[in-house]
């Protein structure tokens, strides 16, 4: 009798978990690679040679998808050169009938891998109808003042929504987004990361930053506030680019980040998923010693089409 009771109790719990996962929002990894992709234009190194002949369809430029089944809505973070495929994958993973374009696109900044995919919303491509694009003030001004992006506005392919640093945007009763301004090479716009708040879990997404110590906010404190942290891992170390002058393209090396986070307890470390990997980054090689060392130290690398329930 007790066994029967336990069996039905277990079935009930499994059903409840299934219903919760079916209706709760989720985050979908749609890309993990740095702006210029992998293989990288002009690259003659071993890391690219085979990929030019045999492209890896999982190597898409960094992007996240956000899905809210209960409210039948979805959003993209970043408009990358891989936007057409990323929109299609987002639509396929959404358990409801959705449009070809998402309910909105959030931009972090004006470097090529993060906004140039907006071109696919124009009349030469899908001729989208007033797709909401969320951008900080300078990012908005850049799009308004410069063609061909300004044409997307004049033809009403996109509708700009202005973001403000640390001011939350409520997307649905279950989801809110908060931009967090970070230091980066801000030639054309400011740069932000995002905190994504779901009904049960939250996410920190910072694909680009100069160095953690240049940010007035303590990154360790921010990691402790969330359940998942997707952080800039453009370069593993300085040897990766033959000790190039990194002042031109500053990013926190992965080895620096691991050193900064080494004192965190294991429960905090396992929140960290490195993302935005340059084509030269040895973490892209599943057999590399660097990837083994990173995992041994308790950290993870984001993977294409991973799903995180919020």
Protein backbone atom coordinates (compact mmCIF):
# COMPACT_ATOMS: atom_id res chain seq x y z
CA UNK A 1 0.00 0.00 0.00
CA UNK A 2 2.83 2.36 0.90
CA UNK A 3 4.55 1.52 -2.38
CA UNK A 4 1.41 2.38 -4.34
CA UNK A 5 1.07 5.67 -2.47
CA UNK A 6 4.72 6.54 -3.16
CA UNK A 7 4.30 5.63 -6.83
CA UNK A 8 1.34 7.97 -7.29
CA UNK A 9 3.10 10.69 -5.31
CA UNK A 10 6.13 10.41 -7.58
CA UNK A 11 3.93 10.53 -10.69
CA UNK A 12 2.19 13.63 -9.36
CA UNK A 13 5.49 15.36 -8.70
CA UNK A 14 6.82 14.47 -12.16
CA UNK A 15 3.64 15.82 -13.79
CA UNK A 16 3.89 19.01 -11.77
CA UNK A 17 7.53 19.48 -12.81
CA UNK A 18 6.63 18.86 -16.45
CA UNK A 19 3.78 21.38 -16.37
CA UNK A 20 6.03 23.94 -14.70
CA UNK A 21 8.81 23.51 -17.27
CA UNK A 22 6.25 23.70 -20.11
CA UNK A 23 4.85 27.03 -18.95
CA UNK A 24 7.79 28.71 -17.26
CA UNK A 25 9.99 31.06 -19.30
CA UNK A 26 13.25 29.71 -20.65
CA UNK A 27 16.52 31.04 -21.98
CA UNK A 28 17.96 29.51 -25.15
CA UNK A 29 21.62 29.86 -26.18
CA UNK A 30 21.58 30.84 -29.86
CA UNK A 31 25.26 31.64 -30.31
CA UNK A 32 28.52 31.65 -28.37
CA UNK A 33 31.09 33.07 -30.82
CA UNK A 34 32.70 36.54 -31.01
CA UNK A 35 31.35 39.08 -33.53
CA UNK A 36 33.30 37.97 -36.62
CA UNK A 37 32.35 34.32 -36.39
CA UNK A 38 34.23 31.05 -36.74
CA UNK A 39 35.82 30.59 -39.21
CA UNK A 40 37.06 34.16 -39.13
CA UNK A 41 37.51 36.22 -42.33
CA UNK A 42 41.14 36.11 -43.47
CA UNK A 43 42.16 33.51 -40.89
CA UNK A 44 44.76 31.00 -42.13
CA UNK A 45 45.37 29.32 -38.76
CA UNK A 46 44.58 25.70 -37.98
CA UNK A 47 41.54 26.80 -35.93
CA UNK A 48 39.85 27.99 -39.15
CA UNK A 49 41.27 25.94 -42.04
CA UNK A 50 38.94 22.95 -41.75
CA UNK A 51 35.94 25.13 -40.91
CA UNK A 52 36.12 26.94 -44.25
CA UNK A 53 35.68 23.58 -45.99
CA UNK A 54 33.35 22.03 -43.43
CA UNK A 55 31.47 24.76 -41.50
CA UNK A 56 30.21 23.93 -38.01
CA UNK A 57 26.52 24.97 -37.88
CA UNK A 58 26.71 25.35 -34.10
CA UNK A 59 29.27 28.15 -34.32
CA UNK A 60 26.99 31.17 -34.42
CA UNK A 61 27.67 34.65 -33.13
CA UNK A 62 26.70 35.31 -29.52
CA UNK A 63 22.95 35.60 -28.96
CA UNK A 64 20.29 34.56 -26.46
CA UNK A 65 16.64 33.76 -27.00
CA UNK A 66 14.01 34.33 -24.32
CA UNK A 67 10.75 32.35 -24.48
CA UNK A 68 7.57 32.96 -22.45
CA UNK A 69 5.13 30.11 -23.26
CA UNK A 70 2.39 31.34 -20.91
CA UNK A 71 2.19 34.72 -22.64
CA UNK A 72 3.10 33.31 -26.08
CA UNK A 73 5.99 35.71 -26.65
CA UNK A 74 9.71 35.51 -27.42
CA UNK A 75 12.65 37.91 -27.68
CA UNK A 76 16.22 38.00 -28.96
CA UNK A 77 19.33 39.44 -27.35
CA UNK A 78 21.63 40.79 -30.09
CA UNK A 79 21.01 41.15 -33.82
CA UNK A 80 23.93 39.17 -35.20
CA UNK A 81 25.10 38.29 -38.73
CA UNK A 82 23.46 34.91 -38.03
CA UNK A 83 20.05 36.49 -37.34
CA UNK A 84 18.04 34.55 -39.98
CA UNK A 85 18.98 31.14 -38.55
CA UNK A 86 18.75 32.34 -34.97
CA UNK A 87 15.22 33.67 -35.47
CA UNK A 88 14.21 30.37 -37.05
CA UNK A 89 15.67 28.34 -34.16
CA UNK A 90 13.94 30.62 -31.64
CA UNK A 91 10.63 30.07 -33.44
CA UNK A 92 11.16 26.29 -33.53
CA UNK A 93 11.85 26.18 -29.78
CA UNK A 94 8.82 28.29 -28.89
CA UNK A 95 5.96 25.91 -27.93
CA UNK A 96 3.33 28.11 -29.56
CA UNK A 97 2.62 29.60 -32.96
CA UNK A 98 4.91 32.63 -33.24
CA UNK A 99 5.74 35.13 -35.94
CA UNK A 100 8.96 34.88 -37.94
CA UNK A 101 10.26 37.93 -36.08
CA UNK A 102 10.51 37.99 -32.27
CA UNK A 103 8.46 40.28 -30.04
CA UNK A 104 11.56 42.39 -29.56
CA UNK A 105 15.34 42.54 -29.94
CA UNK A 106 17.67 43.84 -27.23
CA UNK A 107 21.01 45.35 -28.32
CA UNK A 108 24.10 45.58 -26.13
CA UNK A 109 26.17 47.94 -28.30
CA UNK A 110 27.31 49.04 -31.76
CA UNK A 111 30.02 46.51 -32.62
CA UNK A 112 29.42 44.49 -35.76
CA UNK A 113 28.33 41.19 -34.25
CA UNK A 114 25.72 42.77 -32.00
CA UNK A 115 23.55 44.93 -34.27
CA UNK A 116 24.43 44.34 -37.95
CA UNK A 117 21.82 41.57 -38.24
CA UNK A 118 19.16 44.30 -38.21
CA UNK A 119 19.80 44.50 -41.96
CA UNK A 120 17.73 41.33 -42.40
CA UNK A 121 14.65 43.20 -41.16
CA UNK A 122 14.86 45.66 -44.08
CA UNK A 123 12.92 45.67 -47.34
CA UNK A 124 15.75 43.95 -49.26
CA UNK A 125 15.18 40.98 -46.96
CA UNK A 126 12.07 40.19 -44.89
CA UNK A 127 10.58 43.72 -44.76
CA UNK A 128 9.60 43.41 -41.11
CA UNK A 129 6.77 45.44 -39.63
CA UNK A 130 7.75 47.62 -36.65
CA UNK A 131 9.80 45.01 -34.81
CA UNK A 132 10.62 46.53 -31.38
CA UNK A 133 14.36 47.12 -30.95
CA UNK A 134 15.52 48.02 -27.44
CA UNK A 135 18.60 50.26 -27.31
CA UNK A 136 20.38 52.69 -25.04
CA UNK A 137 20.26 56.44 -25.96
CA UNK A 138 23.55 56.64 -27.91
CA UNK A 139 22.81 53.34 -29.62
CA UNK A 140 19.42 54.73 -30.63
CA UNK A 141 20.99 57.94 -31.95
CA UNK A 142 23.51 55.91 -33.95
CA UNK A 143 20.74 53.96 -35.69
CA UNK A 144 18.67 57.09 -36.30
CA UNK A 145 21.55 59.13 -37.74
CA UNK A 146 23.30 56.58 -39.95
CA UNK A 147 22.19 54.71 -43.03
CA UNK A 148 21.28 52.06 -43.87
CA UNK A 149 19.93 51.68 -40.31
CA UNK A 150 17.96 54.92 -40.50
CA UNK A 151 16.04 53.45 -43.43
CA UNK A 152 14.75 50.69 -41.15
CA UNK A 153 13.12 53.47 -39.16
CA UNK A 154 11.79 55.52 -42.07
CA UNK A 155 10.24 52.39 -43.59
CA UNK A 156 8.95 51.31 -40.17
CA UNK A 157 10.74 47.96 -40.28
CA UNK A 158 11.80 48.54 -36.68
CA UNK A 159 10.43 50.59 -33.79
CA UNK A 160 13.08 51.80 -31.35
CA UNK A 161 12.46 51.50 -27.61
CA UNK A 162 14.83 53.53 -25.42
CA UNK A 163 16.57 51.84 -22.51
CA UNK A 164 18.11 53.55 -19.49
CA UNK A 165 20.91 52.23 -17.30
CA UNK A 166 19.55 50.14 -14.41
CA UNK A 167 15.90 50.89 -15.28
CA UNK A 168 13.88 47.69 -15.67
CA UNK A 169 11.61 46.94 -18.62
CA UNK A 170 8.63 44.69 -17.87
CA UNK A 171 8.14 42.36 -20.83
CA UNK A 172 5.35 40.26 -19.35
CA UNK A 173 3.97 39.50 -15.88
CA UNK A 174 6.76 36.92 -15.56
CA UNK A 175 9.76 38.66 -17.12
CA UNK A 176 11.72 41.87 -16.73
CA UNK A 177 14.98 43.10 -18.26
CA UNK A 178 17.43 45.53 -16.65
CA UNK A 179 20.31 47.05 -18.67
CA UNK A 180 23.62 47.45 -16.85
CA UNK A 181 26.08 49.86 -18.45
CA UNK A 182 29.66 48.53 -18.60
CA UNK A 183 32.99 49.99 -19.80
CA UNK A 184 33.90 48.96 -23.34
CA UNK A 185 35.25 50.53 -26.53
CA UNK A 186 32.30 52.87 -26.94
CA UNK A 187 33.16 54.45 -30.30
CA UNK A 188 29.55 54.66 -31.51
CA UNK A 189 27.37 53.77 -28.54
CA UNK A 190 27.43 52.91 -24.88
CA UNK A 191 27.67 49.21 -23.95
CA UNK A 192 25.39 47.29 -21.64
CA UNK A 193 24.92 43.86 -20.22
CA UNK A 194 21.49 42.66 -19.10
CA UNK A 195 19.96 41.16 -16.00
CA UNK A 196 17.04 38.95 -16.97
CA UNK A 197 14.55 38.27 -14.18
CA UNK A 198 12.19 35.32 -14.48
CA UNK A 199 9.53 34.11 -12.03
CA UNK A 200 11.96 31.70 -10.33
CA UNK A 201 15.47 32.37 -11.61
CA UNK A 202 17.57 35.22 -12.97
CA UNK A 203 20.39 35.65 -15.48
CA UNK A 204 23.35 38.01 -15.92
CA UNK A 205 24.49 38.47 -19.54
CA UNK A 206 27.71 40.47 -20.16
CA UNK A 207 29.22 39.38 -23.49
CA UNK A 208 31.55 42.41 -23.79
CA UNK A 209 33.49 44.43 -21.22
CA UNK A 210 36.99 45.94 -21.19
CA UNK A 211 38.12 44.57 -17.82
CA UNK A 212 36.19 43.65 -14.67
CA UNK A 213 38.24 46.08 -12.57
CA UNK A 214 37.26 49.00 -14.83
CA UNK A 215 33.59 48.54 -13.96
CA UNK A 216 32.37 50.55 -10.98
CA UNK A 217 30.20 47.56 -10.03
CA UNK A 218 31.69 44.48 -8.38
CA UNK A 219 31.20 41.54 -10.73
CA UNK A 220 31.39 39.00 -7.89
CA UNK A 221 28.49 40.74 -6.14
CA UNK A 222 26.46 40.64 -9.37
CA UNK A 223 27.13 36.93 -9.84
CA UNK A 224 25.85 36.24 -6.33
CA UNK A 225 22.55 37.98 -7.18
CA UNK A 226 21.67 35.64 -10.05
CA UNK A 227 21.30 31.95 -10.89
CA UNK A 228 23.24 31.99 -14.17
CA UNK A 229 25.99 34.34 -15.39
CA UNK A 230 27.03 34.40 -19.07
CA UNK A 231 30.30 36.32 -19.14
CA UNK A 232 32.81 37.67 -21.66
CA UNK A 233 35.37 35.01 -22.60
CA UNK A 234 36.63 36.50 -25.86
CA UNK A 235 40.26 35.51 -25.27
CA UNK A 236 41.64 32.76 -23.07
CA UNK A 237 44.98 34.48 -22.43
CA UNK A 238 47.46 36.88 -24.02
CA UNK A 239 49.42 34.09 -25.71
CA UNK A 240 46.39 33.33 -27.87
CA UNK A 241 47.10 36.33 -30.16
CA UNK A 242 50.89 36.22 -29.91
CA UNK A 243 50.94 38.86 -27.18
CA UNK A 244 49.28 41.52 -29.32
CA UNK A 245 48.76 44.95 -27.75
CA UNK A 246 45.42 44.26 -26.10
CA UNK A 247 44.79 47.96 -25.44
CA UNK A 248 43.28 47.97 -28.95
CA UNK A 249 40.75 45.27 -28.12
CA UNK A 250 40.56 44.96 -24.32
CA UNK A 251 38.64 42.08 -22.76
CA UNK A 252 39.09 40.16 -19.51
CA UNK A 253 41.16 37.08 -20.31
CA UNK A 254 39.51 33.88 -19.15
CA UNK A 255 42.55 33.15 -17.00
CA UNK A 256 42.05 36.54 -15.31
CA UNK A 257 38.38 35.83 -14.70
CA UNK A 258 39.13 32.42 -13.22
CA UNK A 259 41.67 34.00 -10.89
CA UNK A 260 39.17 36.68 -9.85
CA UNK A 261 36.47 34.08 -9.17
CA UNK A 262 38.66 31.32 -7.67
CA UNK A 263 37.64 32.08 -4.07
CA UNK A 264 33.95 31.65 -4.82
CA UNK A 265 32.30 28.54 -3.36
CA UNK A 266 31.46 25.81 -5.84
CA UNK A 267 27.76 26.74 -5.81
CA UNK A 268 28.67 30.20 -7.11
CA UNK A 269 31.29 29.01 -9.61
CA UNK A 270 28.87 26.67 -11.33
CA UNK A 271 26.65 29.64 -12.20
CA UNK A 272 29.35 30.98 -14.52
CA UNK A 273 29.15 30.12 -18.22
CA UNK A 274 31.79 31.71 -20.43
CA UNK A 275 30.52 33.04 -23.76
CA UNK A 276 31.55 35.27 -26.74
CA UNK A 277 34.60 33.19 -27.70
CA UNK A 278 37.04 34.43 -30.33
CA UNK A 279 37.77 32.02 -33.18
CA UNK A 280 41.26 31.46 -31.71
CA UNK A 281 40.01 30.61 -28.21
CA UNK A 282 41.16 27.10 -27.20
CA UNK A 283 37.94 26.66 -25.21
CA UNK A 284 36.28 25.97 -28.57
CA UNK A 285 38.35 22.79 -28.84
CA UNK A 286 36.58 20.07 -26.87
CA UNK A 287 39.89 18.23 -26.37
CA UNK A 288 41.98 21.22 -25.27
CA UNK A 289 43.88 21.25 -21.99
CA UNK A 290 42.49 24.73 -21.35
CA UNK A 291 38.88 23.50 -21.46
CA UNK A 292 39.72 20.62 -19.13
CA UNK A 293 41.40 23.02 -16.70
CA UNK A 294 38.44 25.40 -16.77
CA UNK A 295 35.97 22.63 -15.97
CA UNK A 296 38.26 21.24 -13.28
CA UNK A 297 38.15 24.67 -11.65
CA UNK A 298 34.35 24.52 -11.52
CA UNK A 299 33.42 26.79 -14.45
CA UNK A 300 31.51 26.08 -17.65
CA UNK A 301 31.36 27.19 -21.28
CA UNK A 302 27.99 28.04 -22.80
CA UNK A 303 26.87 25.62 -25.51
CA UNK A 304 24.73 26.20 -28.58
CA UNK A 305 21.01 25.46 -27.95
CA UNK A 306 21.42 24.94 -24.20
CA UNK A 307 18.16 25.69 -22.38
CA UNK A 308 17.83 27.26 -18.94
CA UNK A 309 14.43 27.40 -17.24
CA UNK A 310 13.62 30.63 -15.44
